[in-house]
Amino acid sequence: MRFTFTEDRALPQLAWCSVLRETSDIVEVRHGRSVHCAPSFFAEGAWSGPLTASGMLAAPVCVASGAVASKGTVVFVTPSDTLGRLHVVRIKDRLCVSNSIAFLLATANLQVDLKYLFYESDFSSIIHGLKKARKHVPTAGGSKIRLVKSQRCWIIETAMRLMSRWAA
């Protein structure tokens, strides 16, 4: 898999959203101006190691989010703390992954469910521990946004496997 990057200066500097399609090996990434982009990886933040794809993956401490691409795989990286997270949603043949829920909603053309009263408690549920933290939040259209927290990395072999594994 490989990345294509589009910088958007209207976005917050460290925001990014990637889109994977079932039939493509290209991961489209739209991002703010301070997201570091290289052919094999992108990231916002810092980690205890070299500024390389392998450095980010091997770092024992990571206060960054991003992804690393190689043959047939994409590894999305979450911060190693318990507060940072990625947001993931499947919409038809696309999978959207972002470090910003607002950016994810806009990219996927979704809206929050105004009748759902528990977003605040869902997002702060981490205070009860990782095992009790909410893993999904609903949208107005019935889609669920997966909240991926404190998982240093997750690996996807193909966009189809990603969609079935992480969007459920």
Protein backbone atom coordinates (compact mmCIF):
# COMPACT_ATOMS: atom_id res chain seq x y z
CA MET A 1 0.00 0.00 0.00
CA ARG A 2 1.12 3.57 -0.51
CA PHE A 3 0.09 7.05 0.51
CA THR A 4 -1.00 10.07 -1.47
CA PHE A 5 -0.92 13.34 0.48
CA THR A 6 -2.97 16.51 0.14
CA GLU A 7 -2.07 19.39 2.44
CA ASP A 8 -4.99 21.65 3.36
CA ARG A 9 -3.95 24.87 5.09
CA ALA A 10 -7.57 25.46 6.17
CA LEU A 11 -7.34 22.46 8.50
CA PRO A 12 -5.93 22.54 12.03
CA GLN A 13 -2.16 22.09 11.70
CA LEU A 14 -1.97 18.56 13.13
CA ALA A 15 -5.25 17.12 11.82
CA TRP A 16 -5.25 14.25 9.33
CA CYS A 17 -7.77 11.89 7.80
CA SER A 18 -6.98 8.88 5.65
CA VAL A 19 -9.34 7.08 3.29
CA LEU A 20 -8.86 3.49 2.16
CA ARG A 21 -10.97 2.01 -0.62
CA GLU A 22 -11.75 -1.68 -1.08
CA THR A 23 -10.37 -1.85 -4.60
CA SER A 24 -7.24 0.27 -4.20
CA ASP A 25 -3.80 0.01 -2.67
CA ILE A 26 -3.67 3.80 -2.28
CA VAL A 27 -4.34 5.43 1.08
CA GLU A 28 -5.47 9.01 0.50
CA VAL A 29 -4.37 11.34 3.31
CA ARG A 30 -5.63 14.90 3.68
CA HIS A 31 -3.78 16.79 6.41
CA GLY A 32 -2.90 20.07 8.09
CA ARG A 33 0.38 21.82 7.39
CA SER A 34 2.33 20.47 10.38
CA VAL A 35 1.76 16.78 9.72
CA HIS A 36 5.09 15.19 8.76
CA CYS A 37 4.73 13.29 5.46
CA ALA A 38 7.25 10.90 3.91
CA PRO A 39 6.74 8.28 1.18
CA SER A 40 6.33 5.40 3.65
CA PHE A 41 4.74 7.12 6.66
CA PHE A 42 3.07 10.20 8.08
CA ALA A 43 2.71 11.45 11.65
CA GLU A 44 1.83 14.29 13.92
CA GLY A 45 3.55 14.42 17.28
CA ALA A 46 6.78 12.97 18.66
CA TRP A 47 8.27 9.69 19.84
CA SER A 48 11.42 8.46 21.51
CA GLY A 49 13.35 7.45 18.42
CA PRO A 50 14.44 8.51 14.95
CA LEU A 51 12.07 10.42 12.66
CA THR A 52 11.49 7.37 10.47
CA ALA A 53 8.71 4.85 9.94
CA SER A 54 10.62 2.18 11.85
CA GLY A 55 11.51 4.68 14.56
CA MET A 56 7.85 5.46 15.17
CA LEU A 57 6.87 1.79 15.24
CA ALA A 58 9.69 0.77 17.60
CA ALA A 59 9.42 3.68 20.03
CA PRO A 60 8.52 2.69 23.60
CA VAL A 61 6.94 6.11 24.12
CA CYS A 62 4.79 7.66 21.40
CA VAL A 63 2.83 10.90 21.68
CA ALA A 64 1.92 10.86 18.02
CA SER A 65 -0.60 9.43 15.62
CA GLY A 66 -0.13 8.46 12.01
CA ALA A 67 0.49 5.47 9.81
CA VAL A 68 3.20 3.42 8.13
CA ALA A 69 2.68 1.74 4.75
CA SER A 70 4.52 -1.19 3.25
CA LYS A 71 3.71 -4.02 0.85
CA GLY A 72 0.05 -4.84 1.41
CA THR A 73 -0.10 -3.39 4.91
CA VAL A 74 -0.84 -0.19 6.71
CA VAL A 75 -0.03 0.21 10.38
CA PHE A 76 -2.01 2.97 12.09
CA VAL A 77 -0.34 4.27 15.22
CA THR A 78 -2.12 5.67 18.25
CA PRO A 79 -0.47 7.60 21.05
CA SER A 80 0.77 5.38 23.87
CA ASP A 81 -1.14 7.40 26.46
CA THR A 82 -4.76 6.60 27.33
CA LEU A 83 -6.29 9.88 26.14
CA GLY A 84 -5.24 10.02 22.49
CA ARG A 85 -7.29 7.97 20.04
CA LEU A 86 -8.07 7.35 16.42
CA HIS A 87 -11.58 7.43 14.97
CA VAL A 88 -12.58 4.83 12.36
CA VAL A 89 -15.74 4.44 10.29
CA ARG A 90 -16.74 2.35 7.30
CA ILE A 91 -18.95 3.99 4.68
CA LYS A 92 -19.80 1.65 1.81
CA ASP A 93 -16.50 0.81 0.07
CA ARG A 94 -14.44 3.34 2.06
CA LEU A 95 -12.78 3.18 5.41
CA CYS A 96 -11.94 6.53 7.02
CA VAL A 97 -9.38 6.85 9.83
CA SER A 98 -8.59 10.15 11.54
CA ASN A 99 -7.08 11.68 14.66
CA SER A 100 -10.00 14.15 14.68
CA ILE A 101 -13.62 13.08 15.06
CA ALA A 102 -14.81 16.35 13.49
CA PHE A 103 -12.59 15.79 10.45
CA LEU A 104 -13.76 12.16 10.21
CA LEU A 105 -17.42 13.22 10.32
CA ALA A 106 -16.85 15.82 7.58
CA THR A 107 -14.85 13.43 5.37
CA ALA A 108 -17.42 10.64 5.71
CA ASN A 109 -20.32 13.10 5.31
CA LEU A 110 -21.79 12.04 8.66
CA GLN A 111 -23.40 13.93 11.52
CA VAL A 112 -23.63 13.34 15.24
CA ASP A 113 -26.96 11.99 16.46
CA LEU A 114 -28.56 14.95 18.23
CA LYS A 115 -30.91 12.56 20.06
CA TYR A 116 -27.97 10.64 21.55
CA LEU A 117 -27.14 12.22 24.91
CA PHE A 118 -24.03 10.29 25.91
CA TYR A 119 -21.16 11.53 23.71
CA GLU A 120 -19.47 13.34 26.59
CA SER A 121 -19.65 10.37 28.93
CA ASP A 122 -18.59 8.01 26.11
CA PHE A 123 -15.49 10.08 25.32
CA SER A 124 -14.54 10.38 29.00
CA SER A 125 -15.28 6.72 29.79
CA ILE A 126 -11.53 6.05 29.78
CA ILE A 127 -11.49 7.26 33.40
CA HIS A 128 -13.04 3.89 34.30
CA GLY A 129 -10.12 2.00 32.70
CA LEU A 130 -9.26 0.73 29.22
CA LYS A 131 -11.50 -2.32 29.48
CA LYS A 132 -14.55 -0.22 30.37
CA ALA A 133 -13.88 2.59 27.88
CA ARG A 134 -16.46 2.93 25.10
CA LYS A 135 -15.29 1.44 21.83
CA HIS A 136 -17.95 2.97 19.53
CA VAL A 137 -20.18 6.03 19.30
CA PRO A 138 -23.25 6.34 17.04
CA THR A 139 -23.93 8.78 14.24
CA ALA A 140 -27.23 10.22 12.98
CA GLY A 141 -27.26 7.85 9.99
CA GLY A 142 -26.77 4.72 12.08
CA SER A 143 -23.06 4.25 11.39
CA LYS A 144 -20.79 3.56 14.36
CA ILE A 145 -17.49 5.34 14.80
CA ARG A 146 -14.89 3.08 16.38
CA LEU A 147 -12.70 4.72 19.03
CA VAL A 148 -9.22 3.19 18.98
CA LYS A 149 -7.25 4.05 22.11
CA SER A 150 -3.88 3.05 23.52
CA GLN A 151 -3.23 0.37 20.97
CA ARG A 152 0.26 1.17 19.87
CA CYS A 153 -0.34 -0.20 16.40
CA TRP A 154 -2.80 -2.19 14.42
CA ILE A 155 -1.99 -3.90 11.19
CA ILE A 156 -4.14 -4.26 8.11
CA GLU A 157 -3.26 -6.57 5.24
CA THR A 158 -5.87 -5.37 2.81
CA ALA A 159 -8.57 -2.73 2.86
CA MET A 160 -11.24 -5.46 2.87
CA ARG A 161 -9.83 -7.13 5.99
CA LEU A 162 -9.53 -3.74 7.64
CA MET A 163 -13.13 -2.96 6.92
CA SER A 164 -14.45 -6.18 8.35
CA ARG A 165 -12.07 -6.21 11.35
CA TRP A 166 -12.13 -2.61 12.54
CA ALA A 167 -15.45 -1.19 11.43
CA ALA A 168 -17.53 -3.78 13.28
